[in-house]
Amino acid sequence: SWVGVTLPEITGPPGPGGPSGPSGPENPDRADLSPARDISAAERKAVEVWTKAAEKGHAESQNNLAISCFRGSGISKDERQAVVWWSKAAQQGYAEAQYNLATC
């Protein structure tokens, strides 16, 4: 648990199939991030987790959520909302958000 939010476990294979074997219907607990649809699902889940933490004031999550908003990764592209989240993180002294805000 991190800032009251439980992160999903995503296992990445160090080699073909990884240590637990391949993902798929026979092993649904393993995340297979190779197809684009799985990446989108992982991005959407990340945005969901970051949103919960960002709303609780977690600066790194605010920055990550802003990047997702700015790029349209896992969420609809919204540059204005990105600026809102970067501003919140920057006001807490989060340097990466300050940089992103200054250069967006």
N, C-alpha and C. Protein backbone atom coordinates (compact mmCIF):
# COMPACT_ATOMS: atom_id res chain seq x y z
N SER A 1 0.85 -1.18 0.00
CA SER A 1 0.00 0.00 0.00
C SER A 1 0.89 1.24 0.00
N TRP A 2 0.53 2.19 -0.79
CA TRP A 2 1.33 3.39 -0.96
C TRP A 2 0.39 4.57 -0.98
N VAL A 3 0.50 5.45 -0.04
CA VAL A 3 -0.38 6.61 0.12
C VAL A 3 -1.84 6.14 0.16
N GLY A 4 -2.06 5.00 0.80
CA GLY A 4 -3.41 4.49 0.92
C GLY A 4 -3.95 3.88 -0.36
N VAL A 5 -3.08 3.66 -1.36
CA VAL A 5 -3.50 3.10 -2.63
C VAL A 5 -2.66 1.86 -2.88
N THR A 6 -3.29 0.77 -3.24
CA THR A 6 -2.56 -0.45 -3.55
C THR A 6 -2.25 -0.49 -5.04
N LEU A 7 -0.96 -0.63 -5.34
CA LEU A 7 -0.55 -0.68 -6.74
C LEU A 7 -0.74 -2.09 -7.29
N PRO A 8 -1.16 -2.21 -8.54
CA PRO A 8 -1.29 -3.54 -9.13
C PRO A 8 0.10 -4.11 -9.37
N GLU A 9 0.24 -5.41 -9.16
CA GLU A 9 1.53 -6.05 -9.42
C GLU A 9 1.61 -6.39 -10.90
N ILE A 10 2.63 -5.89 -11.54
CA ILE A 10 2.86 -6.19 -12.94
C ILE A 10 4.22 -6.85 -13.02
N THR A 11 4.22 -8.10 -13.43
CA THR A 11 5.48 -8.82 -13.50
C THR A 11 6.00 -8.77 -14.92
N GLY A 12 7.24 -8.49 -15.06
CA GLY A 12 7.85 -8.43 -16.38
C GLY A 12 8.81 -9.58 -16.55
N PRO A 13 8.79 -10.22 -17.68
CA PRO A 13 9.64 -11.37 -17.89
C PRO A 13 11.10 -10.98 -18.15
N PRO A 14 12.06 -11.59 -17.41
CA PRO A 14 13.46 -11.33 -17.70
C PRO A 14 13.91 -12.06 -18.96
N GLY A 15 13.15 -13.04 -19.36
CA GLY A 15 13.45 -13.80 -20.57
C GLY A 15 12.14 -14.28 -21.16
N PRO A 16 12.17 -15.11 -22.20
CA PRO A 16 10.93 -15.59 -22.80
C PRO A 16 10.03 -16.27 -21.79
N GLY A 17 8.86 -15.73 -21.63
CA GLY A 17 7.89 -16.33 -20.73
C GLY A 17 8.07 -15.98 -19.27
N GLY A 18 9.23 -15.47 -18.90
CA GLY A 18 9.49 -15.06 -17.53
C GLY A 18 9.56 -16.22 -16.57
N PRO A 19 9.80 -15.95 -15.31
CA PRO A 19 9.99 -17.00 -14.33
C PRO A 19 8.72 -17.77 -14.01
N SER A 20 7.57 -17.18 -14.24
CA SER A 20 6.31 -17.84 -13.91
C SER A 20 5.64 -18.44 -15.12
N GLY A 21 6.28 -18.39 -16.25
CA GLY A 21 5.67 -18.91 -17.47
C GLY A 21 4.93 -17.82 -18.20
N PRO A 22 4.37 -18.16 -19.34
CA PRO A 22 3.69 -17.15 -20.17
C PRO A 22 2.38 -16.69 -19.55
N SER A 23 1.94 -15.53 -20.00
CA SER A 23 0.66 -15.03 -19.55
C SER A 23 -0.41 -15.56 -20.47
N GLY A 24 -1.62 -15.25 -20.15
CA GLY A 24 -2.73 -15.67 -21.00
C GLY A 24 -3.79 -16.35 -20.16
N PRO A 25 -4.78 -16.95 -20.83
CA PRO A 25 -5.90 -17.56 -20.10
C PRO A 25 -5.45 -18.63 -19.11
N GLU A 26 -4.36 -19.34 -19.43
CA GLU A 26 -3.90 -20.39 -18.53
C GLU A 26 -3.17 -19.83 -17.32
N ASN A 27 -2.75 -18.58 -17.37
CA ASN A 27 -2.03 -17.94 -16.27
C ASN A 27 -2.47 -16.48 -16.19
N PRO A 28 -3.71 -16.20 -15.76
CA PRO A 28 -4.25 -14.84 -15.81
C PRO A 28 -3.60 -13.86 -14.84
N ASP A 29 -2.83 -14.35 -13.88
CA ASP A 29 -2.21 -13.43 -12.92
C ASP A 29 -0.96 -12.75 -13.47
N ARG A 30 -0.46 -13.20 -14.59
CA ARG A 30 0.73 -12.59 -15.20
C ARG A 30 0.27 -11.54 -16.19
N ALA A 31 0.91 -10.39 -16.16
CA ALA A 31 0.59 -9.31 -17.09
C ALA A 31 1.46 -9.46 -18.33
N ASP A 32 0.84 -9.49 -19.48
CA ASP A 32 1.57 -9.52 -20.75
C ASP A 32 1.40 -8.16 -21.38
N LEU A 33 2.47 -7.38 -21.39
CA LEU A 33 2.39 -6.01 -21.88
C LEU A 33 2.80 -5.88 -23.34
N SER A 34 2.92 -6.98 -24.06
CA SER A 34 3.36 -6.87 -25.45
C SER A 34 2.28 -6.33 -26.39
N PRO A 35 1.04 -6.80 -26.37
CA PRO A 35 0.04 -6.22 -27.27
C PRO A 35 -0.35 -4.81 -26.84
N ALA A 36 -0.66 -3.97 -27.82
CA ALA A 36 -1.02 -2.57 -27.54
C ALA A 36 -2.21 -2.47 -26.60
N ARG A 37 -3.18 -3.35 -26.74
CA ARG A 37 -4.36 -3.26 -25.87
C ARG A 37 -4.00 -3.50 -24.41
N ASP A 38 -3.02 -4.34 -24.14
CA ASP A 38 -2.59 -4.58 -22.77
C ASP A 38 -1.85 -3.37 -22.22
N ILE A 39 -1.06 -2.72 -23.06
CA ILE A 39 -0.37 -1.52 -22.63
C ILE A 39 -1.40 -0.44 -22.28
N SER A 40 -2.40 -0.30 -23.12
CA SER A 40 -3.45 0.68 -22.84
C SER A 40 -4.16 0.36 -21.53
N ALA A 41 -4.42 -0.91 -21.28
CA ALA A 41 -5.06 -1.30 -20.03
C ALA A 41 -4.16 -0.98 -18.84
N ALA A 42 -2.86 -1.22 -18.99
CA ALA A 42 -1.93 -0.91 -17.92
C ALA A 42 -1.84 0.60 -17.71
N GLU A 43 -1.87 1.36 -18.80
CA GLU A 43 -1.83 2.83 -18.69
C GLU A 43 -3.08 3.34 -17.99
N ARG A 44 -4.23 2.79 -18.34
CA ARG A 44 -5.48 3.21 -17.70
C ARG A 44 -5.45 2.89 -16.20
N LYS A 45 -4.91 1.72 -15.84
CA LYS A 45 -4.82 1.34 -14.44
C LYS A 45 -3.86 2.27 -13.70
N ALA A 46 -2.74 2.61 -14.35
CA ALA A 46 -1.78 3.54 -13.74
C ALA A 46 -2.44 4.88 -13.49
N VAL A 47 -3.19 5.38 -14.46
CA VAL A 47 -3.88 6.66 -14.31
C VAL A 47 -4.88 6.59 -13.15
N GLU A 48 -5.56 5.48 -13.03
CA GLU A 48 -6.52 5.30 -11.93
C GLU A 48 -5.80 5.38 -10.57
N VAL A 49 -4.68 4.70 -10.46
CA VAL A 49 -3.91 4.69 -9.21
C VAL A 49 -3.33 6.08 -8.94
N TRP A 50 -2.73 6.69 -9.97
CA TRP A 50 -2.15 8.03 -9.80
C TRP A 50 -3.20 9.05 -9.42
N THR A 51 -4.40 8.94 -10.00
CA THR A 51 -5.46 9.89 -9.68
C THR A 51 -5.82 9.82 -8.20
N LYS A 52 -5.97 8.60 -7.68
CA LYS A 52 -6.31 8.45 -6.26
C LYS A 52 -5.24 9.07 -5.38
N ALA A 53 -3.97 8.79 -5.71
CA ALA A 53 -2.87 9.32 -4.90
C ALA A 53 -2.73 10.83 -5.09
N ALA A 54 -2.91 11.30 -6.34
CA ALA A 54 -2.79 12.74 -6.62
C ALA A 54 -3.84 13.53 -5.87
N GLU A 55 -5.04 13.00 -5.80
CA GLU A 55 -6.11 13.69 -5.08
C GLU A 55 -5.82 13.77 -3.58
N LYS A 56 -4.96 12.86 -3.09
CA LYS A 56 -4.55 12.89 -1.68
C LYS A 56 -3.32 13.77 -1.48
N GLY A 57 -2.83 14.40 -2.56
CA GLY A 57 -1.73 15.34 -2.44
C GLY A 57 -0.35 14.78 -2.73
N HIS A 58 -0.24 13.58 -3.28
CA HIS A 58 1.06 12.97 -3.56
C HIS A 58 1.66 13.62 -4.82
N ALA A 59 2.75 14.36 -4.62
CA ALA A 59 3.33 15.17 -5.70
C ALA A 59 3.81 14.35 -6.89
N GLU A 60 4.47 13.23 -6.64
CA GLU A 60 4.96 12.41 -7.76
C GLU A 60 3.79 11.89 -8.59
N SER A 61 2.72 11.49 -7.94
CA SER A 61 1.53 11.02 -8.67
C SER A 61 0.89 12.17 -9.45
N GLN A 62 0.88 13.36 -8.87
CA GLN A 62 0.36 14.52 -9.59
C GLN A 62 1.17 14.77 -10.86
N ASN A 63 2.49 14.65 -10.75
CA ASN A 63 3.36 14.84 -11.91
C ASN A 63 3.10 13.76 -12.95
N ASN A 64 3.03 12.50 -12.52
CA ASN A 64 2.79 11.39 -13.45
C ASN A 64 1.44 11.52 -14.13
N LEU A 65 0.44 11.92 -13.38
CA LEU A 65 -0.90 12.11 -13.95
C LEU A 65 -0.88 13.25 -14.96
N ALA A 66 -0.15 14.31 -14.66
CA ALA A 66 -0.02 15.43 -15.59
C ALA A 66 0.63 14.98 -16.90
N ILE A 67 1.66 14.16 -16.81
CA ILE A 67 2.32 13.65 -18.01
C ILE A 67 1.33 12.84 -18.84
N SER A 68 0.55 11.99 -18.17
CA SER A 68 -0.46 11.19 -18.88
C SER A 68 -1.50 12.08 -19.56
N CYS A 69 -1.95 13.11 -18.86
CA CYS A 69 -2.91 14.06 -19.44
C CYS A 69 -2.30 14.77 -20.64
N PHE A 70 -1.06 15.20 -20.50
CA PHE A 70 -0.39 15.94 -21.56
C PHE A 70 -0.21 15.08 -22.81
N ARG A 71 0.14 13.82 -22.62
CA ARG A 71 0.38 12.90 -23.74
C ARG A 71 -0.88 12.19 -24.23
N GLY A 72 -1.89 12.11 -23.37
CA GLY A 72 -3.07 11.33 -23.71
C GLY A 72 -2.82 9.84 -23.54
N SER A 73 -2.02 9.47 -22.56
CA SER A 73 -1.69 8.07 -22.29
C SER A 73 -2.56 7.54 -21.16
N GLY A 74 -3.48 6.65 -21.49
CA GLY A 74 -4.35 6.07 -20.48
C GLY A 74 -5.50 6.96 -20.07
N ILE A 75 -5.57 8.13 -20.69
CA ILE A 75 -6.59 9.13 -20.37
C ILE A 75 -6.71 10.05 -21.58
N SER A 76 -7.82 10.73 -21.71
CA SER A 76 -7.98 11.67 -22.82
C SER A 76 -6.95 12.79 -22.72
N LYS A 77 -6.39 13.17 -23.85
CA LYS A 77 -5.40 14.25 -23.87
C LYS A 77 -6.07 15.55 -23.42
N ASP A 78 -5.47 16.18 -22.42
CA ASP A 78 -6.01 17.41 -21.87
C ASP A 78 -4.85 18.23 -21.30
N GLU A 79 -4.29 19.10 -22.12
CA GLU A 79 -3.12 19.87 -21.71
C GLU A 79 -3.45 20.84 -20.57
N ARG A 80 -4.66 21.36 -20.54
CA ARG A 80 -5.04 22.26 -19.43
C ARG A 80 -5.05 21.51 -18.10
N GLN A 81 -5.57 20.29 -18.10
CA GLN A 81 -5.59 19.50 -16.87
C GLN A 81 -4.16 19.12 -16.47
N ALA A 82 -3.30 18.89 -17.46
CA ALA A 82 -1.90 18.60 -17.16
C ALA A 82 -1.27 19.76 -16.40
N VAL A 83 -1.56 20.98 -16.85
CA VAL A 83 -1.02 22.17 -16.17
C VAL A 83 -1.54 22.27 -14.74
N VAL A 84 -2.79 21.91 -14.53
CA VAL A 84 -3.37 21.94 -13.18
C VAL A 84 -2.60 20.98 -12.27
N TRP A 85 -2.38 19.73 -12.72
CA TRP A 85 -1.68 18.75 -11.89
C TRP A 85 -0.21 19.12 -11.71
N TRP A 86 0.45 19.60 -12.77
CA TRP A 86 1.84 20.03 -12.62
C TRP A 86 1.95 21.18 -11.62
N SER A 87 1.00 22.09 -11.67
CA SER A 87 1.02 23.23 -10.74
C SER A 87 0.91 22.76 -9.29
N LYS A 88 0.03 21.79 -9.04
CA LYS A 88 -0.13 21.26 -7.67
C LYS A 88 1.17 20.62 -7.19
N ALA A 89 1.79 19.83 -8.05
CA ALA A 89 3.05 19.17 -7.67
C ALA A 89 4.17 20.19 -7.52
N ALA A 90 4.22 21.15 -8.42
CA ALA A 90 5.27 22.18 -8.39
C ALA A 90 5.17 23.02 -7.11
N GLN A 91 3.95 23.31 -6.68
CA GLN A 91 3.76 24.09 -5.46
C GLN A 91 4.27 23.36 -4.22
N GLN A 92 4.39 22.04 -4.33
CA GLN A 92 4.93 21.24 -3.23
C GLN A 92 6.45 21.10 -3.33
N GLY A 93 7.03 21.74 -4.34
CA GLY A 93 8.48 21.69 -4.51
C GLY A 93 8.98 20.52 -5.32
N TYR A 94 8.10 19.84 -6.03
CA TYR A 94 8.50 18.68 -6.83
C TYR A 94 9.19 19.20 -8.10
N ALA A 95 10.51 19.03 -8.15
CA ALA A 95 11.35 19.65 -9.20
C ALA A 95 10.98 19.23 -10.61
N GLU A 96 10.68 17.96 -10.82
CA GLU A 96 10.33 17.50 -12.16
C GLU A 96 9.06 18.18 -12.65
N ALA A 97 8.11 18.37 -11.77
CA ALA A 97 6.86 19.06 -12.13
C ALA A 97 7.14 20.52 -12.44
N GLN A 98 8.03 21.14 -11.67
CA GLN A 98 8.41 22.52 -11.94
C GLN A 98 9.03 22.64 -13.34
N TYR A 99 9.90 21.70 -13.68
CA TYR A 99 10.53 21.70 -15.00
C TYR A 99 9.47 21.47 -16.08
N ASN A 100 8.63 20.47 -15.88
CA ASN A 100 7.59 20.16 -16.89
C ASN A 100 6.67 21.35 -17.10
N LEU A 101 6.31 22.00 -16.03
CA LEU A 101 5.42 23.17 -16.11
C LEU A 101 6.10 24.30 -16.87
N ALA A 102 7.39 24.49 -16.64
CA ALA A 102 8.13 25.56 -17.30
C ALA A 102 8.37 25.29 -18.78
N THR A 103 8.35 24.02 -19.17
CA THR A 103 8.71 23.68 -20.56
C THR A 103 7.55 23.14 -21.39
N CYS A 104 6.36 23.09 -20.84
CA CYS A 104 5.25 22.51 -21.62
C CYS A 104 4.70 23.47 -22.65
